[in-house]
Amino acid sequence: MNGYNGWTNYETWNVALWIGNDEGLYGIAKCYDSYADFADAMRNEFESTETPDCVAWNDSGLNHNELNNMLAELRGDDN
Protein backbone atom coordinates (compact mmCIF):
# COMPACT_ATOMS: atom_id res chain seq x y z
CA MET A 1 0.00 0.00 0.00
CA ASN A 2 1.34 3.39 -0.98
CA GLY A 3 0.77 6.55 0.94
CA TYR A 4 0.69 7.69 4.51
CA ASN A 5 -2.49 7.65 6.62
CA GLY A 6 -4.65 8.16 3.54
CA TRP A 7 -2.44 10.87 2.01
CA THR A 8 0.15 10.59 -0.76
CA ASN A 9 3.10 10.78 1.63
CA TYR A 10 4.24 11.86 5.07
CA GLU A 11 4.88 15.46 3.98
CA THR A 12 1.38 15.96 2.60
CA TRP A 13 -0.16 14.28 5.63
CA ASN A 14 1.89 16.41 8.04
CA VAL A 15 0.93 19.70 6.38
CA ALA A 16 -2.74 18.65 6.25
CA LEU A 17 -2.61 17.54 9.88
CA TRP A 18 -1.28 20.90 11.07
CA ILE A 19 -3.73 22.91 8.97
CA GLY A 20 -6.66 20.80 10.13
CA ASN A 21 -5.75 20.72 13.81
CA ASP A 22 -4.25 24.12 14.58
CA GLU A 23 -6.90 26.81 14.98
CA GLY A 24 -4.64 29.60 13.69
CA LEU A 25 -3.48 27.69 10.62
CA TYR A 26 -7.03 26.51 9.96
CA GLY A 27 -8.29 30.11 9.97
CA ILE A 28 -5.50 31.27 7.68
CA ALA A 29 -5.92 28.35 5.25
CA LYS A 30 -9.65 29.04 4.80
CA CYS A 31 -8.74 32.42 3.28
CA TYR A 32 -6.91 30.93 0.29
CA ASP A 33 -8.21 29.32 -2.89
CA SER A 34 -5.09 27.24 -3.44
CA TYR A 35 -2.46 25.59 -1.31
CA ALA A 36 0.26 27.43 -3.26
CA ASP A 37 -1.25 30.76 -2.19
CA PHE A 38 -1.46 29.57 1.42
CA ALA A 39 2.19 28.42 1.36
CA ASP A 40 3.30 31.75 -0.13
CA ALA A 41 1.43 33.63 2.59
CA MET A 42 2.96 31.49 5.31
CA ARG A 43 6.44 32.30 4.05
CA ASN A 44 5.98 35.93 3.03
CA GLU A 45 3.35 37.32 5.40
CA PHE A 46 3.76 35.14 8.48
CA GLU A 47 7.50 34.42 8.13
CA SER A 48 6.92 30.69 8.64
CA THR A 49 8.81 28.29 6.41
CA GLU A 50 7.67 24.95 7.83
CA THR A 51 5.28 23.09 10.08
CA PRO A 52 6.26 22.58 13.73
CA ASP A 53 7.43 19.11 12.61
CA CYS A 54 9.93 20.69 10.18
CA VAL A 55 8.11 19.93 6.92
CA ALA A 56 8.56 22.91 4.59
CA TRP A 57 5.38 24.58 3.37
CA ASN A 58 6.91 24.36 -0.12
CA ASP A 59 8.34 20.83 0.15
CA SER A 60 8.75 19.36 -3.33
CA GLY A 61 6.97 16.16 -2.30
CA LEU A 62 3.67 17.80 -1.34
CA ASN A 63 0.61 16.73 -3.29
CA HIS A 64 -0.97 20.08 -4.12
CA ASN A 65 -4.12 18.48 -5.55
CA GLU A 66 -4.87 16.77 -2.25
CA LEU A 67 -4.11 19.93 -0.29
CA ASN A 68 -6.24 22.06 -2.63
CA ASN A 69 -9.13 19.63 -2.11
CA MET A 70 -8.64 19.83 1.65
CA LEU A 71 -8.74 23.65 1.54
CA ALA A 72 -11.92 23.54 -0.53
CA GLU A 73 -13.49 21.30 2.11
CA LEU A 74 -12.41 23.67 4.88
CA ARG A 75 -14.10 26.54 3.02
CA GLY A 76 -17.20 24.43 2.46
CA ASP A 77 -16.89 24.61 -1.32
CA ASP A 78 -18.91 22.11 -3.32
CA ASN A 79 -16.65 19.95 -5.47
PDB file of N, CA and C in Angstrom:
ATOM      1  N   MET A   1       0.842  -1.182   0.000  1.00  0.00           N
ATOM      2  CA  MET A   1       0.000   0.000   0.000  1.00  0.00           C
ATOM      3  C   MET A   1       0.882   1.237   0.000  1.00  0.00           C
ATOM      4  N   ASN A   2       0.610   2.137  -0.910  1.00  0.00           N
ATOM      5  CA  ASN A   2       1.345   3.390  -0.979  1.00  0.00           C
ATOM      6  C   ASN A   2       0.637   4.447  -0.159  1.00  0.00           C
ATOM      7  N   GLY A   3       1.376   5.436   0.245  1.00  0.00           N
ATOM      8  CA  GLY A   3       0.770   6.550   0.941  1.00  0.00           C
ATOM      9  C   GLY A   3       1.059   6.536   2.432  1.00  0.00           C
ATOM     10  N   TYR A   4       0.468   7.517   3.079  1.00  0.00           N
ATOM     11  CA  TYR A   4       0.686   7.694   4.507  1.00  0.00           C
ATOM     12  C   TYR A   4      -0.608   8.173   5.140  1.00  0.00           C
ATOM     13  N   ASN A   5      -1.231   7.321   5.934  1.00  0.00           N
ATOM     14  CA  ASN A   5      -2.487   7.649   6.621  1.00  0.00           C
ATOM     15  C   ASN A   5      -3.544   8.253   5.691  1.00  0.00           C
ATOM     16  N   GLY A   6      -3.646   7.695   4.490  1.00  0.00           N
ATOM     17  CA  GLY A   6      -4.653   8.158   3.539  1.00  0.00           C
ATOM     18  C   GLY A   6      -4.199   9.300   2.644  1.00  0.00           C
ATOM     19  N   TRP A   7      -3.000   9.790   2.830  1.00  0.00           N
ATOM     20  CA  TRP A   7      -2.444  10.870   2.012  1.00  0.00           C
ATOM     21  C   TRP A   7      -1.317  10.304   1.156  1.00  0.00           C
ATOM     22  N   THR A   8      -0.902  11.045   0.151  1.00  0.00           N
ATOM     23  CA  THR A   8       0.147  10.591  -0.756  1.00  0.00           C
ATOM     24  C   THR A   8       1.428  10.204  -0.042  1.00  0.00           C
ATOM     25  N   ASN A   9       1.830  11.011   0.941  1.00  0.00           N
ATOM     26  CA  ASN A   9       3.100  10.777   1.626  1.00  0.00           C
ATOM     27  C   ASN A   9       3.084  11.480   2.983  1.00  0.00           C
ATOM     28  N   TYR A  10       4.135  11.268   3.734  1.00  0.00           N
ATOM     29  CA  TYR A  10       4.244  11.863   5.069  1.00  0.00           C
ATOM     30  C   TYR A  10       4.160  13.388   5.018  1.00  0.00           C
ATOM     31  N   GLU A  11       4.845  13.997   4.056  1.00  0.00           N
ATOM     32  CA  GLU A  11       4.883  15.459   3.977  1.00  0.00           C
ATOM     33  C   GLU A  11       3.493  16.041   3.769  1.00  0.00           C
ATOM     34  N   THR A  12       2.732  15.472   2.852  1.00  0.00           N
ATOM     35  CA  THR A  12       1.376  15.960   2.595  1.00  0.00           C
ATOM     36  C   THR A  12       0.501  15.737   3.820  1.00  0.00           C
ATOM     37  N   TRP A  13       0.604  14.568   4.425  1.00  0.00           N
ATOM     38  CA  TRP A  13      -0.159  14.276   5.635  1.00  0.00           C
ATOM     39  C   TRP A  13       0.179  15.258   6.747  1.00  0.00           C
ATOM     40  N   ASN A  14       1.464  15.540   6.950  1.00  0.00           N
ATOM     41  CA  ASN A  14       1.886  16.414   8.035  1.00  0.00           C
ATOM     42  C   ASN A  14       1.356  17.827   7.853  1.00  0.00           C
ATOM     43  N   VAL A  15       1.457  18.356   6.651  1.00  0.00           N
ATOM     44  CA  VAL A  15       0.929  19.696   6.376  1.00  0.00           C
ATOM     45  C   VAL A  15      -0.583  19.714   6.603  1.00  0.00           C
ATOM     46  N   ALA A  16      -1.282  18.722   6.080  1.00  0.00           N
ATOM     47  CA  ALA A  16      -2.737  18.653   6.252  1.00  0.00           C
ATOM     48  C   ALA A  16      -3.110  18.518   7.726  1.00  0.00           C
ATOM     49  N   LEU A  17      -2.348  17.728   8.463  1.00  0.00           N
ATOM     50  CA  LEU A  17      -2.607  17.544   9.885  1.00  0.00           C
ATOM     51  C   LEU A  17      -2.505  18.868  10.637  1.00  0.00           C
ATOM     52  N   TRP A  18      -1.454  19.625  10.376  1.00  0.00           N
ATOM     53  CA  TRP A  18      -1.284  20.905  11.070  1.00  0.00           C
ATOM     54  C   TRP A  18      -2.367  21.895  10.681  1.00  0.00           C
ATOM     55  N   ILE A  19      -2.687  21.977   9.395  1.00  0.00           N
ATOM     56  CA  ILE A  19      -3.735  22.913   8.969  1.00  0.00           C
ATOM     57  C   ILE A  19      -5.075  22.531   9.594  1.00  0.00           C
ATOM     58  N   GLY A  20      -5.369  21.253   9.623  1.00  0.00           N
ATOM     59  CA  GLY A  20      -6.659  20.802  10.126  1.00  0.00           C
ATOM     60  C   GLY A  20      -6.805  20.811  11.632  1.00  0.00           C
ATOM     61  N   ASN A  21      -5.683  20.856  12.354  1.00  0.00           N
ATOM     62  CA  ASN A  21      -5.751  20.723  13.806  1.00  0.00           C
ATOM     63  C   ASN A  21      -5.202  21.904  14.590  1.00  0.00           C
ATOM     64  N   ASP A  22      -4.726  22.912  13.909  1.00  0.00           N
ATOM     65  CA  ASP A  22      -4.250  24.122  14.575  1.00  0.00           C
ATOM     66  C   ASP A  22      -5.210  25.256  14.221  1.00  0.00           C
ATOM     67  N   GLU A  23      -5.855  25.814  15.226  1.00  0.00           N
ATOM     68  CA  GLU A  23      -6.897  26.814  14.978  1.00  0.00           C
ATOM     69  C   GLU A  23      -6.393  28.000  14.152  1.00  0.00           C
ATOM     70  N   GLY A  24      -5.198  28.472  14.438  1.00  0.00           N
ATOM     71  CA  GLY A  24      -4.642  29.601  13.692  1.00  0.00           C
ATOM     72  C   GLY A  24      -4.394  29.256  12.235  1.00  0.00           C
ATOM     73  N   LEU A  25      -3.749  28.116  11.996  1.00  0.00           N
ATOM     74  CA  LEU A  25      -3.477  27.694  10.615  1.00  0.00           C
ATOM     75  C   LEU A  25      -4.768  27.411   9.867  1.00  0.00           C
ATOM     76  N   TYR A  26      -5.729  26.807  10.557  1.00  0.00           N
ATOM     77  CA  TYR A  26      -7.035  26.515   9.956  1.00  0.00           C
ATOM     78  C   TYR A  26      -7.688  27.813   9.475  1.00  0.00           C
ATOM     79  N   GLY A  27      -7.683  28.825  10.325  1.00  0.00           N
ATOM     80  CA  GLY A  27      -8.286  30.107   9.965  1.00  0.00           C
ATOM     81  C   GLY A  27      -7.586  30.772   8.794  1.00  0.00           C
ATOM     82  N   ILE A  28      -6.264  30.696   8.789  1.00  0.00           N
ATOM     83  CA  ILE A  28      -5.502  31.275   7.677  1.00  0.00           C
ATOM     84  C   ILE A  28      -5.792  30.511   6.394  1.00  0.00           C
ATOM     85  N   ALA A  29      -5.748  29.193   6.453  1.00  0.00           N
ATOM     86  CA  ALA A  29      -5.920  28.354   5.255  1.00  0.00           C
ATOM     87  C   ALA A  29      -7.268  28.589   4.579  1.00  0.00           C
ATOM     88  N   LYS A  30      -8.313  28.826   5.373  1.00  0.00           N
ATOM     89  CA  LYS A  30      -9.647  29.035   4.799  1.00  0.00           C
ATOM     90  C   LYS A  30      -9.718  30.282   3.938  1.00  0.00           C
ATOM     91  N   CYS A  31      -8.748  31.162   4.041  1.00  0.00           N
ATOM     92  CA  CYS A  31      -8.743  32.418   3.281  1.00  0.00           C
ATOM     93  C   CYS A  31      -8.151  32.261   1.883  1.00  0.00           C
ATOM     94  N   TYR A  32      -7.622  31.106   1.564  1.00  0.00           N
ATOM     95  CA  TYR A  32      -6.909  30.934   0.293  1.00  0.00           C
ATOM     96  C   TYR A  32      -7.592  29.904  -0.600  1.00  0.00           C
ATOM     97  N   ASP A  33      -7.584  30.203  -1.900  1.00  0.00           N
ATOM     98  CA  ASP A  33      -8.207  29.320  -2.886  1.00  0.00           C
ATOM     99  C   ASP A  33      -7.299  28.171  -3.294  1.00  0.00           C
ATOM    100  N   SER A  34      -6.002  28.318  -3.062  1.00  0.00           N
ATOM    101  CA  SER A  34      -5.086  27.237  -3.437  1.00  0.00           C
ATOM    102  C   SER A  34      -4.037  27.053  -2.348  1.00  0.00           C
ATOM    103  N   TYR A  35      -3.507  25.855  -2.284  1.00  0.00           N
ATOM    104  CA  TYR A  35      -2.462  25.592  -1.314  1.00  0.00           C
ATOM    105  C   TYR A  35      -1.229  26.435  -1.621  1.00  0.00           C
ATOM    106  N   ALA A  36      -0.908  26.630  -2.896  1.00  0.00           N
ATOM    107  CA  ALA A  36       0.263  27.433  -3.262  1.00  0.00           C
ATOM    108  C   ALA A  36       0.152  28.844  -2.692  1.00  0.00           C
ATOM    109  N   ASP A  37      -1.045  29.427  -2.752  1.00  0.00           N
ATOM    110  CA  ASP A  37      -1.251  30.764  -2.193  1.00  0.00           C
ATOM    111  C   ASP A  37      -1.090  30.751  -0.676  1.00  0.00           C
ATOM    112  N   PHE A  38      -1.615  29.716  -0.020  1.00  0.00           N
ATOM    113  CA  PHE A  38      -1.456  29.568   1.422  1.00  0.00           C
ATOM    114  C   PHE A  38       0.024  29.468   1.779  1.00  0.00           C
ATOM    115  N   ALA A  39       0.769  28.619   1.076  1.00  0.00           N
ATOM    116  CA  ALA A  39       2.192  28.421   1.360  1.00  0.00           C
ATOM    117  C   ALA A  39       2.973  29.714   1.157  1.00  0.00           C
ATOM    118  N   ASP A  40       2.650  30.455   0.100  1.00  0.00           N
ATOM    119  CA  ASP A  40       3.303  31.753  -0.134  1.00  0.00           C
ATOM    120  C   ASP A  40       3.024  32.709   1.013  1.00  0.00           C
ATOM    121  N   ALA A  41       1.792  32.747   1.475  1.00  0.00           N
ATOM    122  CA  ALA A  41       1.431  33.626   2.588  1.00  0.00           C
ATOM    123  C   ALA A  41       2.160  33.227   3.860  1.00  0.00           C
ATOM    124  N   MET A  42       2.264  31.946   4.108  1.00  0.00           N
ATOM    125  CA  MET A  42       2.961  31.491   5.307  1.00  0.00           C
ATOM    126  C   MET A  42       4.411  31.972   5.297  1.00  0.00           C
ATOM    127  N   ARG A  43       5.046  31.883   4.156  1.00  0.00           N
ATOM    128  CA  ARG A  43       6.444  32.295   4.055  1.00  0.00           C
ATOM    129  C   ARG A  43       6.592  33.813   4.049  1.00  0.00           C
ATOM    130  N   ASN A  44       5.781  34.494   3.263  1.00  0.00           N
ATOM    131  CA  ASN A  44       5.983  35.926   3.034  1.00  0.00           C
ATOM    132  C   ASN A  44       5.285  36.837   4.046  1.00  0.00           C
ATOM    133  N   GLU A  45       4.102  36.465   4.485  1.00  0.00           N
ATOM    134  CA  GLU A  45       3.352  37.316   5.404  1.00  0.00           C
ATOM    135  C   GLU A  45       3.538  36.917   6.863  1.00  0.00           C
ATOM    136  N   PHE A  46       3.682  35.631   7.105  1.00  0.00           N
ATOM    137  CA  PHE A  46       3.764  35.138   8.482  1.00  0.00           C
ATOM    138  C   PHE A  46       5.171  34.674   8.860  1.00  0.00           C
ATOM    139  N   GLU A  47       6.104  34.779   7.911  1.00  0.00           N
ATOM    140  CA  GLU A  47       7.503  34.416   8.127  1.00  0.00           C
ATOM    141  C   GLU A  47       7.666  33.016   8.723  1.00  0.00           C
ATOM    142  N   SER A  48       6.861  32.090   8.227  1.00  0.00           N
ATOM    143  CA  SER A  48       6.918  30.695   8.642  1.00  0.00           C
ATOM    144  C   SER A  48       7.303  29.863   7.425  1.00  0.00           C
ATOM    145  N   THR A  49       8.345  29.078   7.551  1.00  0.00           N
ATOM    146  CA  THR A  49       8.810  28.286   6.412  1.00  0.00           C
ATOM    147  C   THR A  49       8.423  26.819   6.490  1.00  0.00           C
ATOM    148  N   GLU A  50       7.948  26.381   7.686  1.00  0.00           N
ATOM    149  CA  GLU A  50       7.667  24.947   7.833  1.00  0.00           C
ATOM    150  C   GLU A  50       6.690  24.701   8.973  1.00  0.00           C
ATOM    151  N   THR A  51       6.147  23.503   8.979  1.00  0.00           N
ATOM    152  CA  THR A  51       5.276  23.089  10.077  1.00  0.00           C
ATOM    153  C   THR A  51       6.121  22.927  11.346  1.00  0.00           C
ATOM    154  N   PRO A  52       5.493  22.846  12.508  1.00  0.00           N
ATOM    155  CA  PRO A  52       6.260  22.585  13.731  1.00  0.00           C
ATOM    156  C   PRO A  52       7.029  21.263  13.704  1.00  0.00           C
ATOM    157  N   ASP A  53       6.707  20.373  12.771  1.00  0.00           N
ATOM    158  CA  ASP A  53       7.431  19.113  12.609  1.00  0.00           C
ATOM    159  C   ASP A  53       8.519  19.202  11.543  1.00  0.00           C
ATOM    160  N   CYS A  54       8.830  20.423  11.117  1.00  0.00           N
ATOM    161  CA  CYS A  54       9.929  20.689  10.178  1.00  0.00           C
ATOM    162  C   CYS A  54       9.679  20.215   8.748  1.00  0.00           C
ATOM    163  N   VAL A  55       8.423  20.181   8.320  1.00  0.00           N
ATOM    164  CA  VAL A  55       8.112  19.930   6.916  1.00  0.00           C
ATOM    165  C   VAL A  55       7.886  21.296   6.273  1.00  0.00           C
ATOM    166  N   ALA A  56       8.658  21.603   5.244  1.00  0.00           N
ATOM    167  CA  ALA A  56       8.564  22.907   4.586  1.00  0.00           C
ATOM    168  C   ALA A  56       7.212  23.081   3.916  1.00  0.00           C
ATOM    169  N   TRP A  57       6.665  24.280   4.028  1.00  0.00           N
ATOM    170  CA  TRP A  57       5.385  24.584   3.368  1.00  0.00           C
ATOM    171  C   TRP A  57       5.501  24.407   1.857  1.00  0.00           C
ATOM    172  N   ASN A  58       6.721  24.525   1.324  1.00  0.00           N
ATOM    173  CA  ASN A  58       6.914  24.364  -0.123  1.00  0.00           C
ATOM    174  C   ASN A  58       7.724  23.109  -0.451  1.00  0.00           C
ATOM    175  N   ASP A  59       7.636  22.092   0.387  1.00  0.00           N
ATOM    176  CA  ASP A  59       8.338  20.831   0.154  1.00  0.00           C
ATOM    177  C   ASP A  59       7.973  20.290  -1.231  1.00  0.00           C
ATOM    178  N   SER A  60       8.977  19.828  -1.957  1.00  0.00           N
ATOM    179  CA  SER A  60       8.750  19.357  -3.326  1.00  0.00           C
ATOM    180  C   SER A  60       7.891  18.094  -3.393  1.00  0.00           C
ATOM    181  N   GLY A  61       7.763  17.376  -2.290  1.00  0.00           N
ATOM    182  CA  GLY A  61       6.969  16.156  -2.295  1.00  0.00           C
ATOM    183  C   GLY A  61       5.491  16.343  -2.001  1.00  0.00           C
ATOM    184  N   LEU A  62       5.081  17.563  -1.680  1.00  0.00           N
ATOM    185  CA  LEU A  62       3.673  17.796  -1.340  1.00  0.00           C
ATOM    186  C   LEU A  62       2.758  17.557  -2.525  1.00  0.00           C
ATOM    187  N   ASN A  63       1.619  16.939  -2.262  1.00  0.00           N
ATOM    188  CA  ASN A  63       0.607  16.726  -3.285  1.00  0.00           C
ATOM    189  C   ASN A  63      -0.358  17.910  -3.228  1.00  0.00           C
ATOM    190  N   HIS A  64      -0.165  18.865  -4.121  1.00  0.00           N
ATOM    191  CA  HIS A  64      -0.973  20.083  -4.117  1.00  0.00           C
ATOM    192  C   HIS A  64      -2.435  19.809  -4.437  1.00  0.00           C
ATOM    193  N   ASN A  65      -2.717  18.801  -5.249  1.00  0.00           N
ATOM    194  CA  ASN A  65      -4.116  18.478  -5.548  1.00  0.00           C
ATOM    195  C   ASN A  65      -4.855  18.062  -4.284  1.00  0.00           C
ATOM    196  N   GLU A  66      -4.235  17.192  -3.501  1.00  0.00           N
ATOM    197  CA  GLU A  66      -4.866  16.768  -2.247  1.00  0.00           C
ATOM    198  C   GLU A  66      -5.038  17.941  -1.290  1.00  0.00           C
ATOM    199  N   LEU A  67      -4.024  18.792  -1.191  1.00  0.00           N
ATOM    200  CA  LEU A  67      -4.112  19.930  -0.286  1.00  0.00           C
ATOM    201  C   LEU A  67      -5.120  20.961  -0.783  1.00  0.00           C
ATOM    202  N   ASN A  68      -5.207  21.161  -2.088  1.00  0.00           N
ATOM    203  CA  ASN A  68      -6.236  22.062  -2.634  1.00  0.00           C
ATOM    204  C   ASN A  68      -7.633  21.547  -2.307  1.00  0.00           C
ATOM    205  N   ASN A  69      -7.823  20.232  -2.440  1.00  0.00           N
ATOM    206  CA  ASN A  69      -9.126  19.633  -2.107  1.00  0.00           C
ATOM    207  C   ASN A  69      -9.441  19.809  -0.631  1.00  0.00           C
ATOM    208  N   MET A  70      -8.435  19.646   0.220  1.00  0.00           N
ATOM    209  CA  MET A  70      -8.642  19.833   1.648  1.00  0.00           C
ATOM    210  C   MET A  70      -9.053  21.273   1.949  1.00  0.00           C
ATOM    211  N   LEU A  71      -8.382  22.247   1.326  1.00  0.00           N
ATOM    212  CA  LEU A  71      -8.735  23.653   1.545  1.00  0.00           C
ATOM    213  C   LEU A  71     -10.153  23.940   1.079  1.00  0.00           C
ATOM    214  N   ALA A  72     -10.549  23.358  -0.039  1.00  0.00           N
ATOM    215  CA  ALA A  72     -11.921  23.541  -0.525  1.00  0.00           C
ATOM    216  C   ALA A  72     -12.925  22.999   0.484  1.00  0.00           C
ATOM    217  N   GLU A  73     -12.605  21.857   1.081  1.00  0.00           N
ATOM    218  CA  GLU A  73     -13.489  21.297   2.110  1.00  0.00           C
ATOM    219  C   GLU A  73     -13.554  22.202   3.344  1.00  0.00           C
ATOM    220  N   LEU A  74     -12.417  22.767   3.734  1.00  0.00           N
ATOM    221  CA  LEU A  74     -12.409  23.671   4.880  1.00  0.00           C
ATOM    222  C   LEU A  74     -13.306  24.887   4.633  1.00  0.00           C
ATOM    223  N   ARG A  75     -13.282  25.385   3.407  1.00  0.00           N
ATOM    224  CA  ARG A  75     -14.096  26.544   3.022  1.00  0.00           C
ATOM    225  C   ARG A  75     -15.556  26.173   2.816  1.00  0.00           C
ATOM    226  N   GLY A  76     -15.837  24.880   2.702  1.00  0.00           N
ATOM    227  CA  GLY A  76     -17.201  24.429   2.462  1.00  0.00           C
ATOM    228  C   GLY A  76     -17.605  24.511   1.003  1.00  0.00           C
ATOM    229  N   ASP A  77     -16.611  24.560   0.106  1.00  0.00           N
ATOM    230  CA  ASP A  77     -16.893  24.610  -1.323  1.00  0.00           C
ATOM    231  C   ASP A  77     -17.464  23.280  -1.775  1.00  0.00           C
ATOM    232  N   ASP A  78     -18.388  23.325  -2.708  1.00  0.00           N
ATOM    233  CA  ASP A  78     -18.911  22.107  -3.318  1.00  0.00           C
ATOM    234  C   ASP A  78     -17.987  21.692  -4.430  1.00  0.00           C
ATOM    235  N   ASN A  79     -17.559  20.441  -4.427  1.00  0.00           N
ATOM    236  CA  ASN A  79     -16.648  19.946  -5.472  1.00  0.00           C
ATOM    237  C   ASN A  79     -17.409  19.254  -6.554  1.00  0.00           C
TER     238      ASN A  79
END
